[in-house]
Amino acid sequence: MRQLRHHEQKLLKKVDFLQWKSDQNIREIKILRRYHIQDREDYVKYNKICGHITKLTAKLKDLKPEDEFRIKMTDDLLSKLYNMGLIPTKKSLSQCETLAASAFCRRRLPVVMVRMKMAETLKEAVTFIEQGHVRVGPTGRGK
């Protein structure tokens, strides 16, 4: 790119064509690297799910505490998230408000493999999965 002239620099002082706002997702990039996620779309999906959960939590909190519907839906939501391993306990809705996309990333197979000491690093675990050494579900041998 050519050097801007003085009057052009004055006009475009607050505009940077090289770095856009959407490119400065440092937190997102850190999480993608930490959990060794290759597809950014996966992280975006996790973020959307977290957004839906926090919206649902806010709507549940708007209802009266003694409402039967609120009690039933709160129990269902908390048990679902607890069974998925996203929240540590089934105590309150406040856990659902602070749910982050990294909770979904921690439930991915490579991370679980590293925790169970089946692989030393996340990169190694991802390689095992990509090469087919580790599979989840039916193997198809018996048929």
C-alpha atoms as a PDB file:
ATOM      1  CA  MET A   1       0.000   0.000   0.000  1.00  0.00           C
ATOM      2  CA  ARG A   2       1.306   3.440  -0.847  1.00  0.00           C
ATOM      3  CA  GLN A   3       2.134   6.040   1.761  1.00  0.00           C
ATOM      4  CA  LEU A   4      -0.836   8.317   2.457  1.00  0.00           C
ATOM      5  CA  ARG A   5      -0.477  12.041   1.821  1.00  0.00           C
ATOM      6  CA  HIS A   6      -0.902  14.509   4.664  1.00  0.00           C
ATOM      7  CA  HIS A   7      -4.509  15.473   3.884  1.00  0.00           C
ATOM      8  CA  GLU A   8      -5.419  11.798   3.408  1.00  0.00           C
ATOM      9  CA  GLN A   9      -3.907  10.930   6.765  1.00  0.00           C
ATOM     10  CA  LYS A  10      -5.904  13.704   8.422  1.00  0.00           C
ATOM     11  CA  LEU A  11      -9.148  12.433   6.892  1.00  0.00           C
ATOM     12  CA  LEU A  12      -8.475   8.785   7.673  1.00  0.00           C
ATOM     13  CA  LYS A  13      -6.908   9.307  11.095  1.00  0.00           C
ATOM     14  CA  LYS A  14      -9.354   7.033  12.903  1.00  0.00           C
ATOM     15  CA  VAL A  15      -9.723   4.464  10.113  1.00  0.00           C
ATOM     16  CA  ASP A  16      -7.345   1.549   9.809  1.00  0.00           C
ATOM     17  CA  PHE A  17      -7.769  -0.533   6.671  1.00  0.00           C
ATOM     18  CA  LEU A  18      -5.303  -3.203   7.770  1.00  0.00           C
ATOM     19  CA  GLN A  19      -6.867  -4.210  11.083  1.00  0.00           C
ATOM     20  CA  TRP A  20     -10.624  -4.520  11.405  1.00  0.00           C
ATOM     21  CA  LYS A  21     -12.580  -4.769  14.640  1.00  0.00           C
ATOM     22  CA  SER A  22     -13.567  -8.352  13.880  1.00  0.00           C
ATOM     23  CA  ASP A  23      -9.898  -9.344  13.565  1.00  0.00           C
ATOM     24  CA  GLN A  24      -9.062  -8.327  17.119  1.00  0.00           C
ATOM     25  CA  ASN A  25     -10.593 -11.323  18.834  1.00  0.00           C
ATOM     26  CA  ILE A  26      -7.630 -12.003  21.060  1.00  0.00           C
ATOM     27  CA  ARG A  27      -9.725 -13.927  23.594  1.00  0.00           C
ATOM     28  CA  GLU A  28     -11.217 -16.097  20.874  1.00  0.00           C
ATOM     29  CA  ILE A  29      -7.799 -16.807  19.368  1.00  0.00           C
ATOM     30  CA  LYS A  30      -6.415 -17.747  22.786  1.00  0.00           C
ATOM     31  CA  ILE A  31      -9.221 -20.254  23.336  1.00  0.00           C
ATOM     32  CA  LEU A  32      -8.813 -21.687  19.839  1.00  0.00           C
ATOM     33  CA  ARG A  33      -5.121 -22.231  20.526  1.00  0.00           C
ATOM     34  CA  ARG A  34      -5.553 -23.498  24.074  1.00  0.00           C
ATOM     35  CA  TYR A  35      -8.037 -26.191  23.102  1.00  0.00           C
ATOM     36  CA  HIS A  36      -6.466 -26.814  19.674  1.00  0.00           C
ATOM     37  CA  ILE A  37      -9.669 -26.160  17.714  1.00  0.00           C
ATOM     38  CA  GLN A  38      -9.082 -26.041  13.971  1.00  0.00           C
ATOM     39  CA  ASP A  39     -12.507 -24.777  12.862  1.00  0.00           C
ATOM     40  CA  ARG A  40     -13.426 -21.326  14.089  1.00  0.00           C
ATOM     41  CA  GLU A  41     -17.059 -22.173  13.274  1.00  0.00           C
ATOM     42  CA  ASP A  42     -17.090 -24.689  16.142  1.00  0.00           C
ATOM     43  CA  TYR A  43     -16.193 -21.959  18.607  1.00  0.00           C
ATOM     44  CA  VAL A  44     -18.798 -19.639  17.076  1.00  0.00           C
ATOM     45  CA  LYS A  45     -21.446 -22.370  17.537  1.00  0.00           C
ATOM     46  CA  TYR A  46     -20.423 -22.832  21.166  1.00  0.00           C
ATOM     47  CA  ASN A  47     -20.700 -19.070  21.702  1.00  0.00           C
ATOM     48  CA  LYS A  48     -24.187 -19.017  20.181  1.00  0.00           C
ATOM     49  CA  ILE A  49     -25.314 -21.892  22.392  1.00  0.00           C
ATOM     50  CA  CYS A  50     -23.971 -20.053  25.453  1.00  0.00           C
ATOM     51  CA  GLY A  51     -25.875 -16.964  24.349  1.00  0.00           C
ATOM     52  CA  HIS A  52     -29.091 -18.954  24.053  1.00  0.00           C
ATOM     53  CA  ILE A  53     -28.544 -20.466  27.504  1.00  0.00           C
ATOM     54  CA  THR A  54     -27.935 -17.065  29.111  1.00  0.00           C
ATOM     55  CA  LYS A  55     -31.042 -15.630  27.385  1.00  0.00           C
ATOM     56  CA  LEU A  56     -33.114 -18.556  28.628  1.00  0.00           C
ATOM     57  CA  THR A  57     -31.699 -18.082  32.115  1.00  0.00           C
ATOM     58  CA  ALA A  58     -32.603 -14.394  32.076  1.00  0.00           C
ATOM     59  CA  LYS A  59     -36.170 -15.196  30.991  1.00  0.00           C
ATOM     60  CA  LEU A  60     -36.471 -17.832  33.713  1.00  0.00           C
ATOM     61  CA  LYS A  61     -35.249 -15.330  36.308  1.00  0.00           C
ATOM     62  CA  ASP A  62     -37.946 -12.872  35.195  1.00  0.00           C
ATOM     63  CA  LEU A  63     -40.635 -15.338  36.253  1.00  0.00           C
ATOM     64  CA  LYS A  64     -41.815 -15.517  39.847  1.00  0.00           C
ATOM     65  CA  PRO A  65     -39.683 -17.814  42.036  1.00  0.00           C
ATOM     66  CA  GLU A  66     -42.679 -19.888  43.149  1.00  0.00           C
ATOM     67  CA  ASP A  67     -43.997 -20.411  39.594  1.00  0.00           C
ATOM     68  CA  GLU A  68     -44.300 -24.130  38.781  1.00  0.00           C
ATOM     69  CA  PHE A  69     -43.166 -23.641  35.174  1.00  0.00           C
ATOM     70  CA  ARG A  70     -40.036 -21.804  36.308  1.00  0.00           C
ATOM     71  CA  ILE A  71     -39.185 -24.498  38.850  1.00  0.00           C
ATOM     72  CA  LYS A  72     -39.642 -27.306  36.325  1.00  0.00           C
ATOM     73  CA  MET A  73     -37.690 -25.550  33.536  1.00  0.00           C
ATOM     74  CA  THR A  74     -34.893 -24.568  35.936  1.00  0.00           C
ATOM     75  CA  ASP A  75     -34.546 -28.159  37.102  1.00  0.00           C
ATOM     76  CA  ASP A  76     -34.562 -29.421  33.509  1.00  0.00           C
ATOM     77  CA  LEU A  77     -31.959 -26.873  32.392  1.00  0.00           C
ATOM     78  CA  LEU A  78     -29.672 -27.459  35.368  1.00  0.00           C
ATOM     79  CA  SER A  79     -29.862 -31.248  35.075  1.00  0.00           C
ATOM     80  CA  LYS A  80     -29.201 -31.105  31.318  1.00  0.00           C
ATOM     81  CA  LEU A  81     -26.141 -28.867  31.729  1.00  0.00           C
ATOM     82  CA  TYR A  82     -24.887 -30.905  34.689  1.00  0.00           C
ATOM     83  CA  ASN A  83     -25.243 -34.197  32.776  1.00  0.00           C
ATOM     84  CA  MET A  84     -23.347 -32.674  29.856  1.00  0.00           C
ATOM     85  CA  GLY A  85     -20.551 -31.715  32.253  1.00  0.00           C
ATOM     86  CA  LEU A  86     -20.828 -27.983  31.647  1.00  0.00           C
ATOM     87  CA  ILE A  87     -21.618 -26.915  35.217  1.00  0.00           C
ATOM     88  CA  PRO A  88     -20.124 -28.423  38.398  1.00  0.00           C
ATOM     89  CA  THR A  89     -23.313 -28.620  40.499  1.00  0.00           C
ATOM     90  CA  LYS A  90     -27.093 -28.365  40.093  1.00  0.00           C
ATOM     91  CA  LYS A  91     -27.472 -25.591  42.668  1.00  0.00           C
ATOM     92  CA  SER A  92     -28.634 -22.378  41.029  1.00  0.00           C
ATOM     93  CA  LEU A  93     -29.283 -20.504  37.818  1.00  0.00           C
ATOM     94  CA  SER A  94     -26.338 -18.185  38.470  1.00  0.00           C
ATOM     95  CA  GLN A  95     -24.040 -20.893  37.074  1.00  0.00           C
ATOM     96  CA  CYS A  96     -25.939 -20.768  33.783  1.00  0.00           C
ATOM     97  CA  GLU A  97     -25.499 -16.996  33.519  1.00  0.00           C
ATOM     98  CA  THR A  98     -21.730 -17.260  33.593  1.00  0.00           C
ATOM     99  CA  LEU A  99     -21.477 -20.233  31.237  1.00  0.00           C
ATOM    100  CA  ALA A 100     -18.691 -19.699  28.700  1.00  0.00           C
ATOM    101  CA  ALA A 101     -17.865 -21.312  25.382  1.00  0.00           C
ATOM    102  CA  SER A 102     -14.697 -22.730  26.916  1.00  0.00           C
ATOM    103  CA  ALA A 103     -16.896 -25.062  28.987  1.00  0.00           C
ATOM    104  CA  PHE A 104     -17.960 -26.709  25.721  1.00  0.00           C
ATOM    105  CA  CYS A 105     -14.332 -26.773  24.561  1.00  0.00           C
ATOM    106  CA  ARG A 106     -13.339 -28.651  27.731  1.00  0.00           C
ATOM    107  CA  ARG A 107     -15.802 -31.414  26.818  1.00  0.00           C
ATOM    108  CA  ARG A 108     -14.191 -32.104  23.447  1.00  0.00           C
ATOM    109  CA  LEU A 109     -12.614 -35.528  22.957  1.00  0.00           C
ATOM    110  CA  PRO A 110      -8.942 -34.388  22.717  1.00  0.00           C
ATOM    111  CA  VAL A 111      -9.172 -32.459  25.988  1.00  0.00           C
ATOM    112  CA  VAL A 112     -10.796 -35.430  27.732  1.00  0.00           C
ATOM    113  CA  MET A 113      -8.074 -37.701  26.366  1.00  0.00           C
ATOM    114  CA  VAL A 114      -5.347 -35.463  27.812  1.00  0.00           C
ATOM    115  CA  ARG A 115      -7.130 -35.384  31.194  1.00  0.00           C
ATOM    116  CA  MET A 116      -7.368 -39.169  31.219  1.00  0.00           C
ATOM    117  CA  LYS A 117      -3.662 -39.378  30.327  1.00  0.00           C
ATOM    118  CA  MET A 118      -4.370 -41.162  27.031  1.00  0.00           C
ATOM    119  CA  ALA A 119      -2.214 -38.514  25.327  1.00  0.00           C
ATOM    120  CA  GLU A 120       0.456 -36.139  26.592  1.00  0.00           C
ATOM    121  CA  THR A 121      -0.555 -33.036  24.639  1.00  0.00           C
ATOM    122  CA  LEU A 122      -3.641 -31.734  22.914  1.00  0.00           C
ATOM    123  CA  LYS A 123      -1.867 -31.729  19.571  1.00  0.00           C
ATOM    124  CA  GLU A 124      -1.020 -35.390  19.991  1.00  0.00           C
ATOM    125  CA  ALA A 125      -4.616 -36.226  20.963  1.00  0.00           C
ATOM    126  CA  VAL A 126      -5.967 -34.395  17.918  1.00  0.00           C
ATOM    127  CA  THR A 127      -3.533 -36.323  15.707  1.00  0.00           C
ATOM    128  CA  PHE A 128      -4.677 -39.633  17.170  1.00  0.00           C
ATOM    129  CA  ILE A 129      -8.291 -38.754  16.460  1.00  0.00           C
ATOM    130  CA  GLU A 130      -7.589 -37.474  12.945  1.00  0.00           C
ATOM    131  CA  GLN A 131      -5.626 -40.595  12.046  1.00  0.00           C
ATOM    132  CA  GLY A 132      -8.375 -42.868  13.335  1.00  0.00           C
ATOM    133  CA  HIS A 133      -6.527 -44.385  16.312  1.00  0.00           C
ATOM    134  CA  VAL A 134      -9.286 -43.214  18.662  1.00  0.00           C
ATOM    135  CA  ARG A 135     -12.956 -43.469  17.812  1.00  0.00           C
ATOM    136  CA  VAL A 136     -16.168 -43.017  19.726  1.00  0.00           C
ATOM    137  CA  GLY A 137     -19.167 -45.159  18.935  1.00  0.00           C
ATOM    138  CA  PRO A 138     -19.679 -48.437  17.080  1.00  0.00           C
ATOM    139  CA  THR A 139     -16.694 -49.827  15.241  1.00  0.00           C
ATOM    140  CA  GLY A 140     -18.706 -51.673  12.609  1.00  0.00           C
ATOM    141  CA  ARG A 141     -16.705 -54.920  12.953  1.00  0.00           C
ATOM    142  CA  GLY A 142     -19.487 -57.132  14.255  1.00  0.00           C
ATOM    143  CA  LYS A 143     -21.730 -56.741  11.228  1.00  0.00           C
END
